[in-house]
Amino acid sequence: MFKRSLSRSQKVDISRATRQPSRPTSAPTTAIQIARRDARKHVWSECTIMLPSGGTRIGVLLDVSASGARVRFRTRGALPNCVGVVAPRLSLKRTATVVWQDTFTAGLQFRV
């Protein structure tokens, strides 16, 4: 009933198992990936983004690291290059450069 049709040596294709993959297993590292190497802490904290014009935008910090943060907004809008980030719950008050942004989310790199 449970008869083996092939021996174990015939089932394993050693040439296939030892062959190198035809495509690379990982993509080359980019400058943004290198900048992200700090440990991230996933948070959900309300923050205020201070604009150079004196205005503010309310957002939610999604994750924070020593070098930057990711923030999401309820409404669409582009941020200027330099902003201030204030999150009282996290005792965070820093200036930051906007590294990337899409419709509702932006990546910030803290200035030294």
N, C-alpha and C. Protein backbone atom coordinates (compact mmCIF):
# COMPACT_ATOMS: atom_id res chain seq x y z
N MET A 1 0.81 -1.19 0.00
CA MET A 1 0.00 0.00 0.00
C MET A 1 0.86 1.25 0.00
N PHE A 2 1.89 1.36 0.85
CA PHE A 2 2.77 2.50 0.91
C PHE A 2 4.14 2.14 0.34
N LYS A 3 4.16 1.67 -0.83
CA LYS A 3 5.38 1.21 -1.46
C LYS A 3 6.15 2.40 -2.06
N ARG A 4 7.46 2.41 -1.86
CA ARG A 4 8.30 3.45 -2.45
C ARG A 4 8.57 3.10 -3.91
N SER A 5 8.41 4.08 -4.76
CA SER A 5 8.66 3.82 -6.16
C SER A 5 10.11 4.08 -6.54
N LEU A 6 10.77 5.05 -5.88
CA LEU A 6 12.16 5.36 -6.17
C LEU A 6 12.98 5.31 -4.89
N SER A 7 14.25 5.02 -5.04
CA SER A 7 15.12 5.04 -3.86
C SER A 7 15.42 6.49 -3.50
N ARG A 8 15.90 6.71 -2.28
CA ARG A 8 16.18 8.08 -1.83
C ARG A 8 17.23 8.76 -2.71
N SER A 9 18.23 8.03 -3.15
CA SER A 9 19.28 8.63 -3.97
C SER A 9 18.74 9.10 -5.31
N GLN A 10 17.70 8.49 -5.81
CA GLN A 10 17.13 8.90 -7.08
C GLN A 10 16.21 10.11 -6.91
N LYS A 11 15.63 10.31 -5.73
CA LYS A 11 14.71 11.42 -5.52
C LYS A 11 15.43 12.76 -5.38
N VAL A 12 16.62 12.77 -4.81
CA VAL A 12 17.33 14.01 -4.57
C VAL A 12 18.19 14.35 -5.77
N ASP A 13 17.96 15.51 -6.34
CA ASP A 13 18.77 15.98 -7.47
C ASP A 13 19.86 16.89 -6.90
N ILE A 14 21.04 16.34 -6.67
CA ILE A 14 22.11 17.08 -6.01
C ILE A 14 22.59 18.23 -6.87
N SER A 15 22.64 18.07 -8.15
CA SER A 15 23.11 19.17 -9.00
C SER A 15 22.16 20.37 -8.89
N ARG A 16 20.90 20.13 -8.76
CA ARG A 16 19.92 21.21 -8.61
C ARG A 16 20.03 21.87 -7.23
N ALA A 17 20.26 21.06 -6.21
CA ALA A 17 20.34 21.59 -4.85
C ALA A 17 21.59 22.43 -4.64
N THR A 18 22.68 22.13 -5.31
CA THR A 18 23.93 22.85 -5.11
C THR A 18 24.14 23.98 -6.11
N ARG A 19 23.27 24.12 -7.07
CA ARG A 19 23.39 25.16 -8.09
C ARG A 19 23.10 26.54 -7.49
N GLN A 20 23.83 27.56 -7.94
CA GLN A 20 23.61 28.92 -7.49
C GLN A 20 22.29 29.45 -8.06
N PRO A 21 21.56 30.28 -7.31
CA PRO A 21 20.32 30.83 -7.85
C PRO A 21 20.59 31.73 -9.05
N SER A 22 19.67 31.75 -9.99
CA SER A 22 19.86 32.51 -11.21
C SER A 22 19.69 34.01 -10.98
N ARG A 23 18.93 34.40 -9.96
CA ARG A 23 18.76 35.83 -9.67
C ARG A 23 19.32 36.12 -8.29
N PRO A 24 19.76 37.33 -8.06
CA PRO A 24 20.33 37.66 -6.76
C PRO A 24 19.28 37.53 -5.66
N THR A 25 19.71 37.10 -4.49
CA THR A 25 18.77 36.90 -3.39
C THR A 25 18.38 38.19 -2.71
N SER A 26 19.21 39.23 -2.77
CA SER A 26 18.86 40.51 -2.17
C SER A 26 19.25 41.64 -3.10
N ALA A 27 18.51 42.73 -2.99
CA ALA A 27 18.79 43.89 -3.82
C ALA A 27 20.01 44.62 -3.27
N PRO A 28 20.71 45.36 -4.11
CA PRO A 28 21.85 46.13 -3.61
C PRO A 28 21.39 47.17 -2.59
N THR A 29 22.23 47.45 -1.63
CA THR A 29 21.90 48.39 -0.58
C THR A 29 21.96 49.82 -1.12
N THR A 30 20.92 50.60 -0.84
CA THR A 30 20.88 51.98 -1.28
C THR A 30 21.25 52.89 -0.11
N ALA A 31 21.45 54.16 -0.40
CA ALA A 31 21.81 55.12 0.64
C ALA A 31 20.71 55.25 1.69
N ILE A 32 19.45 55.17 1.28
CA ILE A 32 18.34 55.28 2.23
C ILE A 32 18.33 54.08 3.16
N GLN A 33 18.60 52.88 2.64
CA GLN A 33 18.63 51.70 3.50
C GLN A 33 19.76 51.78 4.51
N ILE A 34 20.90 52.35 4.12
CA ILE A 34 22.01 52.50 5.06
C ILE A 34 21.62 53.49 6.15
N ALA A 35 20.93 54.57 5.78
CA ALA A 35 20.52 55.56 6.77
C ALA A 35 19.50 55.00 7.75
N ARG A 36 18.77 53.95 7.37
CA ARG A 36 17.74 53.37 8.22
C ARG A 36 18.27 52.32 9.19
N ARG A 37 19.54 52.15 9.31
CA ARG A 37 20.08 51.06 10.10
C ARG A 37 19.89 51.23 11.60
N ASP A 38 19.50 52.40 12.08
CA ASP A 38 19.23 52.57 13.50
C ASP A 38 18.00 51.76 13.88
N ALA A 39 17.98 51.30 15.11
CA ALA A 39 16.84 50.51 15.58
C ALA A 39 15.59 51.38 15.62
N ARG A 40 14.53 50.88 15.04
CA ARG A 40 13.27 51.62 15.02
C ARG A 40 12.37 51.16 16.14
N LYS A 41 11.65 52.10 16.70
CA LYS A 41 10.66 51.78 17.72
C LYS A 41 9.30 52.12 17.12
N HIS A 42 8.44 51.12 17.01
CA HIS A 42 7.11 51.35 16.46
C HIS A 42 6.25 51.99 17.54
N VAL A 43 5.73 53.14 17.22
CA VAL A 43 4.91 53.90 18.17
C VAL A 43 3.64 54.34 17.45
N TRP A 44 2.71 54.84 18.21
CA TRP A 44 1.51 55.45 17.67
C TRP A 44 1.24 56.66 18.55
N SER A 45 1.87 57.78 18.19
CA SER A 45 1.82 58.96 19.04
C SER A 45 1.50 60.19 18.21
N GLU A 46 0.59 61.00 18.70
CA GLU A 46 0.25 62.24 18.01
C GLU A 46 1.43 63.20 18.07
N CYS A 47 1.67 63.90 16.98
CA CYS A 47 2.76 64.88 16.95
C CYS A 47 2.30 66.13 16.21
N THR A 48 3.05 67.19 16.40
CA THR A 48 2.80 68.45 15.70
C THR A 48 4.01 68.74 14.85
N ILE A 49 3.79 69.01 13.59
CA ILE A 49 4.85 69.38 12.66
C ILE A 49 4.81 70.90 12.53
N MET A 50 5.91 71.53 12.90
CA MET A 50 6.02 72.99 12.85
C MET A 50 6.62 73.39 11.50
N LEU A 51 5.90 74.18 10.75
CA LEU A 51 6.36 74.63 9.44
C LEU A 51 7.14 75.92 9.57
N PRO A 52 8.08 76.20 8.65
CA PRO A 52 8.86 77.45 8.72
C PRO A 52 7.99 78.70 8.61
N SER A 53 6.85 78.58 7.98
CA SER A 53 5.96 79.73 7.83
C SER A 53 5.22 80.08 9.12
N GLY A 54 5.35 79.23 10.14
CA GLY A 54 4.66 79.47 11.41
C GLY A 54 3.43 78.59 11.58
N GLY A 55 3.01 77.92 10.54
CA GLY A 55 1.85 77.04 10.61
C GLY A 55 2.22 75.69 11.22
N THR A 56 1.18 74.91 11.49
CA THR A 56 1.40 73.58 12.06
C THR A 56 0.54 72.56 11.33
N ARG A 57 0.97 71.31 11.40
CA ARG A 57 0.17 70.19 10.90
C ARG A 57 0.19 69.12 11.96
N ILE A 58 -0.96 68.53 12.23
CA ILE A 58 -1.08 67.45 13.21
C ILE A 58 -0.93 66.13 12.47
N GLY A 59 -0.10 65.25 13.01
CA GLY A 59 0.12 63.94 12.40
C GLY A 59 0.29 62.88 13.47
N VAL A 60 0.55 61.68 13.02
CA VAL A 60 0.78 60.54 13.92
C VAL A 60 2.15 59.96 13.60
N LEU A 61 3.00 59.84 14.63
CA LEU A 61 4.29 59.19 14.45
C LEU A 61 4.06 57.69 14.41
N LEU A 62 4.53 57.04 13.36
CA LEU A 62 4.37 55.60 13.22
C LEU A 62 5.58 54.84 13.74
N ASP A 63 6.77 55.36 13.49
CA ASP A 63 7.97 54.78 14.08
C ASP A 63 9.03 55.85 14.24
N VAL A 64 9.90 55.65 15.22
CA VAL A 64 10.93 56.62 15.56
C VAL A 64 12.24 55.87 15.77
N SER A 65 13.34 56.45 15.30
CA SER A 65 14.67 55.92 15.58
C SER A 65 15.54 57.08 16.03
N ALA A 66 16.80 56.81 16.31
CA ALA A 66 17.72 57.86 16.73
C ALA A 66 17.98 58.85 15.60
N SER A 67 17.83 58.41 14.36
CA SER A 67 18.15 59.28 13.24
C SER A 67 16.93 59.85 12.50
N GLY A 68 15.73 59.38 12.80
CA GLY A 68 14.58 59.91 12.07
C GLY A 68 13.26 59.33 12.52
N ALA A 69 12.21 59.64 11.74
CA ALA A 69 10.87 59.20 12.08
C ALA A 69 10.02 59.11 10.82
N ARG A 70 8.92 58.39 10.95
CA ARG A 70 7.93 58.31 9.87
C ARG A 70 6.63 58.85 10.45
N VAL A 71 6.02 59.78 9.74
CA VAL A 71 4.80 60.42 10.24
C VAL A 71 3.71 60.33 9.17
N ARG A 72 2.48 60.14 9.63
CA ARG A 72 1.33 60.04 8.72
C ARG A 72 0.32 61.13 9.07
N PHE A 73 -0.29 61.70 8.02
CA PHE A 73 -1.25 62.79 8.19
C PHE A 73 -2.64 62.35 7.74
N ARG A 74 -3.66 63.05 8.22
CA ARG A 74 -5.04 62.77 7.81
C ARG A 74 -5.37 63.37 6.46
N THR A 75 -4.72 64.49 6.15
CA THR A 75 -5.02 65.20 4.90
C THR A 75 -3.79 65.24 4.01
N ARG A 76 -4.04 65.50 2.74
CA ARG A 76 -2.94 65.61 1.78
C ARG A 76 -2.23 66.94 1.96
N GLY A 77 -0.98 66.95 1.55
CA GLY A 77 -0.24 68.20 1.59
C GLY A 77 1.24 67.93 1.55
N ALA A 78 1.96 68.81 0.89
CA ALA A 78 3.41 68.66 0.80
C ALA A 78 4.08 69.43 1.93
N LEU A 79 5.16 68.85 2.44
CA LEU A 79 5.93 69.49 3.49
C LEU A 79 7.12 70.21 2.88
N PRO A 80 7.59 71.30 3.50
CA PRO A 80 8.82 71.93 3.02
C PRO A 80 10.03 71.08 3.43
N ASN A 81 11.21 71.45 2.98
CA ASN A 81 12.42 70.68 3.27
C ASN A 81 12.74 70.56 4.74
N CYS A 82 12.58 71.62 5.50
CA CYS A 82 12.95 71.63 6.92
C CYS A 82 11.70 71.87 7.77
N VAL A 83 11.50 71.01 8.78
CA VAL A 83 10.34 71.13 9.67
C VAL A 83 10.78 70.88 11.11
N GLY A 84 9.93 71.24 12.03
CA GLY A 84 10.14 70.91 13.44
C GLY A 84 9.16 69.82 13.83
N VAL A 85 9.57 68.92 14.71
CA VAL A 85 8.72 67.82 15.15
C VAL A 85 8.59 67.91 16.67
N VAL A 86 7.34 67.95 17.16
CA VAL A 86 7.09 68.00 18.59
C VAL A 86 6.11 66.89 18.93
N ALA A 87 6.53 65.99 19.84
CA ALA A 87 5.68 64.92 20.34
C ALA A 87 5.82 64.88 21.86
N PRO A 88 4.93 65.54 22.59
CA PRO A 88 5.07 65.64 24.05
C PRO A 88 5.07 64.27 24.74
N ARG A 89 4.29 63.34 24.26
CA ARG A 89 4.21 62.01 24.88
C ARG A 89 5.55 61.29 24.85
N LEU A 90 6.35 61.54 23.81
CA LEU A 90 7.65 60.90 23.67
C LEU A 90 8.80 61.81 24.11
N SER A 91 8.48 62.99 24.61
CA SER A 91 9.49 64.00 24.97
C SER A 91 10.40 64.29 23.79
N LEU A 92 9.80 64.48 22.63
CA LEU A 92 10.54 64.70 21.39
C LEU A 92 10.30 66.11 20.90
N LYS A 93 11.38 66.84 20.71
CA LYS A 93 11.31 68.18 20.12
C LYS A 93 12.58 68.36 19.32
N ARG A 94 12.50 68.14 18.00
CA ARG A 94 13.67 68.15 17.12
C ARG A 94 13.35 68.86 15.82
N THR A 95 14.39 69.30 15.13
CA THR A 95 14.23 69.77 13.76
C THR A 95 14.59 68.61 12.84
N ALA A 96 13.99 68.60 11.68
CA ALA A 96 14.19 67.47 10.77
C ALA A 96 14.15 67.92 9.32
N THR A 97 14.78 67.11 8.48
CA THR A 97 14.75 67.29 7.04
C THR A 97 13.82 66.24 6.46
N VAL A 98 12.98 66.63 5.53
CA VAL A 98 12.06 65.69 4.88
C VAL A 98 12.85 64.94 3.81
N VAL A 99 13.00 63.63 4.00
CA VAL A 99 13.77 62.80 3.09
C VAL A 99 12.89 62.29 1.95
N TRP A 100 11.69 61.87 2.26
CA TRP A 100 10.75 61.40 1.25
C TRP A 100 9.33 61.70 1.74
N GLN A 101 8.41 61.76 0.80
CA GLN A 101 7.00 61.94 1.15
C GLN A 101 6.12 61.44 0.02
N ASP A 102 4.96 60.92 0.41
CA ASP A 102 3.95 60.57 -0.57
C ASP A 102 2.66 61.25 -0.16
N THR A 103 1.53 60.75 -0.55
CA THR A 103 0.26 61.45 -0.34
C THR A 103 -0.02 61.78 1.12
N PHE A 104 0.10 60.79 2.02
CA PHE A 104 -0.25 61.00 3.42
C PHE A 104 0.90 60.74 4.39
N THR A 105 2.05 60.26 3.94
CA THR A 105 3.13 59.84 4.81
C THR A 105 4.43 60.55 4.42
N ALA A 106 5.28 60.78 5.42
CA ALA A 106 6.58 61.41 5.15
C ALA A 106 7.64 60.78 6.03
N GLY A 107 8.86 60.69 5.49
CA GLY A 107 10.01 60.21 6.24
C GLY A 107 10.89 61.38 6.59
N LEU A 108 11.22 61.51 7.88
CA LEU A 108 12.00 62.63 8.37
C LEU A 108 13.35 62.15 8.89
N GLN A 109 14.39 62.92 8.62
CA GLN A 109 15.71 62.64 9.18
C GLN A 109 16.04 63.78 10.12
N PHE A 110 16.32 63.43 11.39
CA PHE A 110 16.60 64.45 12.39
C PHE A 110 17.93 65.12 12.10
N ARG A 111 17.97 66.44 12.35
CA ARG A 111 19.21 67.18 12.18
C ARG A 111 20.03 67.11 13.47
N VAL A 112 21.33 67.20 13.29
CA VAL A 112 22.22 67.12 14.45
C VAL A 112 22.38 68.47 15.09
